[in-house]
């Protein structure tokens, strides 16, 4: 939601900061959910006919496209962090 709102932000630096912060959260949480689902389903999760393995692979592709969490953390560090100084 924050990333969508950031698209209309007048300040491009603030927009970039919010989009990178959202991407970090999406990457971390998506990976966590995917790995936990795979653990929950065990070996069946990686069977070709079982969707959990496909979801984890798709989450990995999404994470690696447009920069992973480490890339966006670097952007946030260069921009002064996720929160704007008042």
N, C-alpha and C. Protein backbone atom coordinates (compact mmCIF):
# COMPACT_ATOMS: atom_id res chain seq x y z
N UNK A 1 0.82 -1.18 0.00
CA UNK A 1 0.00 0.00 0.00
C UNK A 1 0.87 1.25 0.00
N UNK A 2 1.92 1.24 0.81
CA UNK A 2 2.83 2.38 0.89
C UNK A 2 3.49 2.66 -0.45
N UNK A 3 3.90 1.62 -1.16
CA UNK A 3 4.55 1.81 -2.45
C UNK A 3 3.59 2.42 -3.46
N UNK A 4 2.34 2.02 -3.43
CA UNK A 4 1.34 2.59 -4.34
C UNK A 4 1.11 4.06 -4.04
N UNK A 5 1.04 4.40 -2.77
CA UNK A 5 0.87 5.80 -2.39
C UNK A 5 2.11 6.61 -2.76
N UNK A 6 3.27 6.00 -2.70
CA UNK A 6 4.51 6.71 -3.00
C UNK A 6 4.59 7.13 -4.46
N UNK A 7 3.87 6.46 -5.33
CA UNK A 7 3.91 6.81 -6.74
C UNK A 7 3.37 8.22 -7.00
N UNK A 8 2.50 8.68 -6.12
CA UNK A 8 1.95 10.03 -6.28
C UNK A 8 2.71 11.06 -5.44
N UNK A 9 3.75 10.66 -4.78
CA UNK A 9 4.56 11.56 -3.94
C UNK A 9 5.24 12.61 -4.82
N UNK A 10 5.16 13.86 -4.41
CA UNK A 10 5.77 14.95 -5.18
C UNK A 10 7.29 14.91 -5.11
N UNK A 11 7.83 14.52 -3.98
CA UNK A 11 9.29 14.46 -3.80
C UNK A 11 9.80 13.11 -4.31
N UNK A 12 10.61 13.09 -5.37
CA UNK A 12 11.07 11.81 -5.93
C UNK A 12 11.97 11.02 -4.97
N UNK A 13 12.71 11.70 -4.11
CA UNK A 13 13.55 11.00 -3.14
C UNK A 13 12.68 10.28 -2.12
N UNK A 14 11.64 10.95 -1.65
CA UNK A 14 10.72 10.33 -0.70
C UNK A 14 9.98 9.16 -1.34
N UNK A 15 9.61 9.32 -2.60
CA UNK A 15 8.94 8.22 -3.32
C UNK A 15 9.88 7.02 -3.42
N UNK A 16 11.13 7.26 -3.78
CA UNK A 16 12.11 6.18 -3.91
C UNK A 16 12.33 5.49 -2.57
N UNK A 17 12.40 6.28 -1.51
CA UNK A 17 12.59 5.73 -0.16
C UNK A 17 11.43 4.81 0.21
N UNK A 18 10.20 5.26 -0.03
CA UNK A 18 9.03 4.44 0.32
C UNK A 18 8.93 3.19 -0.53
N UNK A 19 9.23 3.30 -1.81
CA UNK A 19 9.18 2.12 -2.68
C UNK A 19 10.23 1.10 -2.27
N UNK A 20 11.44 1.56 -1.95
CA UNK A 20 12.49 0.63 -1.52
C UNK A 20 12.13 -0.03 -0.19
N UNK A 21 11.55 0.74 0.73
CA UNK A 21 11.15 0.17 2.02
C UNK A 21 10.08 -0.91 1.81
N UNK A 22 9.14 -0.65 0.92
CA UNK A 22 8.10 -1.64 0.64
C UNK A 22 8.71 -2.89 -0.01
N UNK A 23 9.65 -2.71 -0.92
CA UNK A 23 10.29 -3.85 -1.60
C UNK A 23 11.05 -4.71 -0.61
N UNK A 24 11.70 -4.09 0.37
CA UNK A 24 12.41 -4.86 1.40
C UNK A 24 11.42 -5.72 2.18
N UNK A 25 10.30 -5.15 2.57
CA UNK A 25 9.30 -5.90 3.33
C UNK A 25 8.70 -7.03 2.50
N UNK A 26 8.40 -6.75 1.25
CA UNK A 26 7.84 -7.77 0.37
C UNK A 26 8.82 -8.92 0.19
N UNK A 27 10.09 -8.59 -0.03
CA UNK A 27 11.11 -9.62 -0.24
C UNK A 27 11.28 -10.49 1.00
N UNK A 28 11.41 -9.85 2.14
CA UNK A 28 11.62 -10.62 3.38
C UNK A 28 10.41 -11.48 3.73
N UNK A 29 9.24 -10.88 3.72
CA UNK A 29 8.04 -11.61 4.11
C UNK A 29 7.64 -12.67 3.09
N UNK A 30 7.80 -12.36 1.82
CA UNK A 30 7.48 -13.35 0.79
C UNK A 30 8.36 -14.58 0.91
N UNK A 31 9.63 -14.35 1.13
CA UNK A 31 10.55 -15.48 1.28
C UNK A 31 10.21 -16.30 2.53
N UNK A 32 9.92 -15.61 3.62
CA UNK A 32 9.58 -16.30 4.87
C UNK A 32 8.34 -17.17 4.68
N UNK A 33 7.29 -16.61 4.09
CA UNK A 33 6.05 -17.36 3.89
C UNK A 33 6.29 -18.55 2.96
N UNK A 34 7.02 -18.33 1.88
CA UNK A 34 7.31 -19.42 0.95
C UNK A 34 8.09 -20.55 1.58
N UNK A 35 9.12 -20.19 2.35
CA UNK A 35 9.94 -21.23 3.00
C UNK A 35 9.15 -21.96 4.07
N UNK A 36 8.30 -21.25 4.80
CA UNK A 36 7.49 -21.90 5.83
C UNK A 36 6.45 -22.83 5.21
N UNK A 37 5.87 -22.43 4.09
CA UNK A 37 4.91 -23.29 3.40
C UNK A 37 5.59 -24.56 2.91
N UNK A 38 6.80 -24.41 2.41
CA UNK A 38 7.55 -25.57 1.94
C UNK A 38 7.87 -26.51 3.11
N UNK A 39 8.26 -25.95 4.24
CA UNK A 39 8.54 -26.77 5.43
C UNK A 39 7.28 -27.49 5.90
N UNK A 40 6.17 -26.78 5.87
CA UNK A 40 4.91 -27.36 6.33
C UNK A 40 4.51 -28.56 5.48
N UNK A 41 4.74 -28.48 4.17
CA UNK A 41 4.33 -29.55 3.28
C UNK A 41 5.42 -30.59 3.06
N UNK A 42 6.61 -30.33 3.55
CA UNK A 42 7.70 -31.30 3.46
C UNK A 42 8.08 -31.61 2.02
N UNK A 43 8.44 -32.85 1.75
CA UNK A 43 8.88 -33.27 0.43
C UNK A 43 7.82 -33.08 -0.64
N UNK A 44 6.55 -33.17 -0.25
CA UNK A 44 5.46 -32.98 -1.21
C UNK A 44 5.49 -31.56 -1.78
N UNK A 45 5.99 -30.60 -1.01
CA UNK A 45 6.02 -29.22 -1.46
C UNK A 45 6.86 -29.00 -2.70
N UNK A 46 7.85 -29.86 -2.93
CA UNK A 46 8.71 -29.70 -4.10
C UNK A 46 8.31 -30.61 -5.25
N UNK A 47 7.26 -31.40 -5.08
CA UNK A 47 6.78 -32.23 -6.18
C UNK A 47 6.25 -31.33 -7.29
N UNK A 48 6.49 -31.70 -8.53
CA UNK A 48 6.12 -30.86 -9.66
C UNK A 48 4.60 -30.59 -9.74
N UNK A 49 3.80 -31.51 -9.29
CA UNK A 49 2.36 -31.31 -9.40
C UNK A 49 1.77 -30.56 -8.19
N UNK A 50 2.60 -30.25 -7.23
CA UNK A 50 2.13 -29.57 -6.03
C UNK A 50 2.44 -28.08 -6.13
N UNK A 51 1.49 -27.18 -5.93
CA UNK A 51 1.69 -25.76 -6.21
C UNK A 51 2.65 -25.02 -5.27
N UNK A 52 2.89 -25.53 -4.07
CA UNK A 52 3.72 -24.80 -3.11
C UNK A 52 5.12 -24.55 -3.67
N UNK A 53 5.72 -25.53 -4.28
CA UNK A 53 7.05 -25.35 -4.86
C UNK A 53 7.06 -24.31 -5.96
N UNK A 54 6.01 -24.28 -6.75
CA UNK A 54 5.90 -23.28 -7.82
C UNK A 54 5.78 -21.88 -7.23
N UNK A 55 5.03 -21.74 -6.14
CA UNK A 55 4.88 -20.44 -5.51
C UNK A 55 6.21 -19.94 -4.96
N UNK A 56 6.96 -20.82 -4.34
CA UNK A 56 8.26 -20.41 -3.81
C UNK A 56 9.20 -20.01 -4.94
N UNK A 57 9.18 -20.75 -6.02
CA UNK A 57 10.02 -20.38 -7.17
C UNK A 57 9.60 -19.02 -7.72
N UNK A 58 8.31 -18.79 -7.81
CA UNK A 58 7.82 -17.51 -8.32
C UNK A 58 8.19 -16.37 -7.38
N UNK A 59 8.07 -16.60 -6.07
CA UNK A 59 8.48 -15.58 -5.10
C UNK A 59 9.97 -15.27 -5.23
N UNK A 60 10.78 -16.28 -5.52
CA UNK A 60 12.21 -16.06 -5.70
C UNK A 60 12.47 -15.20 -6.93
N UNK A 61 11.76 -15.45 -8.01
CA UNK A 61 11.91 -14.64 -9.22
C UNK A 61 11.47 -13.20 -8.95
N UNK A 62 10.35 -13.02 -8.26
CA UNK A 62 9.87 -11.69 -7.93
C UNK A 62 10.89 -10.97 -7.06
N UNK A 63 11.46 -11.68 -6.09
CA UNK A 63 12.46 -11.09 -5.20
C UNK A 63 13.69 -10.64 -5.98
N UNK A 64 14.09 -11.41 -6.97
CA UNK A 64 15.31 -11.08 -7.71
C UNK A 64 15.08 -10.07 -8.83
N UNK A 65 13.84 -9.89 -9.22
CA UNK A 65 13.57 -8.88 -10.25
C UNK A 65 13.41 -7.52 -9.57
N UNK A 66 13.87 -6.51 -10.21
CA UNK A 66 13.80 -5.14 -9.71
C UNK A 66 14.57 -4.94 -8.40
N UNK A 67 15.53 -5.80 -8.13
CA UNK A 67 16.38 -5.65 -6.94
C UNK A 67 15.88 -6.44 -5.76
N UNK A 68 16.79 -7.14 -5.11
CA UNK A 68 16.42 -7.92 -3.94
C UNK A 68 16.48 -7.05 -2.68
N UNK A 69 16.25 -7.65 -1.52
CA UNK A 69 16.20 -6.89 -0.27
C UNK A 69 17.53 -6.18 0.00
N UNK A 70 18.65 -6.83 -0.26
CA UNK A 70 19.96 -6.21 -0.01
C UNK A 70 20.15 -4.98 -0.89
N UNK A 71 19.73 -5.07 -2.14
CA UNK A 71 19.84 -3.93 -3.05
C UNK A 71 19.04 -2.74 -2.53
N UNK A 72 17.81 -2.99 -2.10
CA UNK A 72 16.95 -1.91 -1.62
C UNK A 72 17.36 -1.40 -0.25
N UNK A 73 17.96 -2.25 0.57
CA UNK A 73 18.52 -1.76 1.83
C UNK A 73 19.67 -0.80 1.56
N UNK A 74 20.45 -1.09 0.52
CA UNK A 74 21.53 -0.18 0.12
C UNK A 74 20.99 1.17 -0.33
N UNK A 75 19.89 1.14 -1.08
CA UNK A 75 19.25 2.39 -1.51
C UNK A 75 18.77 3.17 -0.29
N UNK A 76 18.13 2.47 0.64
CA UNK A 76 17.66 3.14 1.85
C UNK A 76 18.81 3.74 2.65
N UNK A 77 19.92 3.04 2.72
CA UNK A 77 21.08 3.56 3.44
C UNK A 77 21.60 4.83 2.77
N UNK A 78 21.66 4.83 1.45
CA UNK A 78 22.13 6.02 0.73
C UNK A 78 21.16 7.20 0.89
N UNK A 79 19.89 6.92 1.02
CA UNK A 79 18.88 7.97 1.15
C UNK A 79 18.65 8.40 2.59
N UNK A 80 19.37 7.82 3.53
CA UNK A 80 19.26 8.23 4.91
C UNK A 80 18.29 7.43 5.74
N UNK A 81 17.92 6.25 5.31
CA UNK A 81 17.05 5.38 6.10
C UNK A 81 15.61 5.40 5.62
N UNK A 82 14.79 4.59 6.26
CA UNK A 82 13.40 4.44 5.83
C UNK A 82 12.52 5.58 6.32
N UNK A 83 12.92 6.24 7.36
CA UNK A 83 12.10 7.33 7.92
C UNK A 83 12.69 8.66 7.55
N UNK A 84 11.84 9.57 7.21
CA UNK A 84 12.28 10.92 6.85
C UNK A 84 12.53 11.71 8.12
N UNK A 85 13.63 12.45 8.16
CA UNK A 85 13.93 13.29 9.31
C UNK A 85 12.97 14.48 9.31
N UNK A 86 12.48 14.80 10.48
CA UNK A 86 11.51 15.92 10.60
C UNK A 86 12.22 17.25 10.66
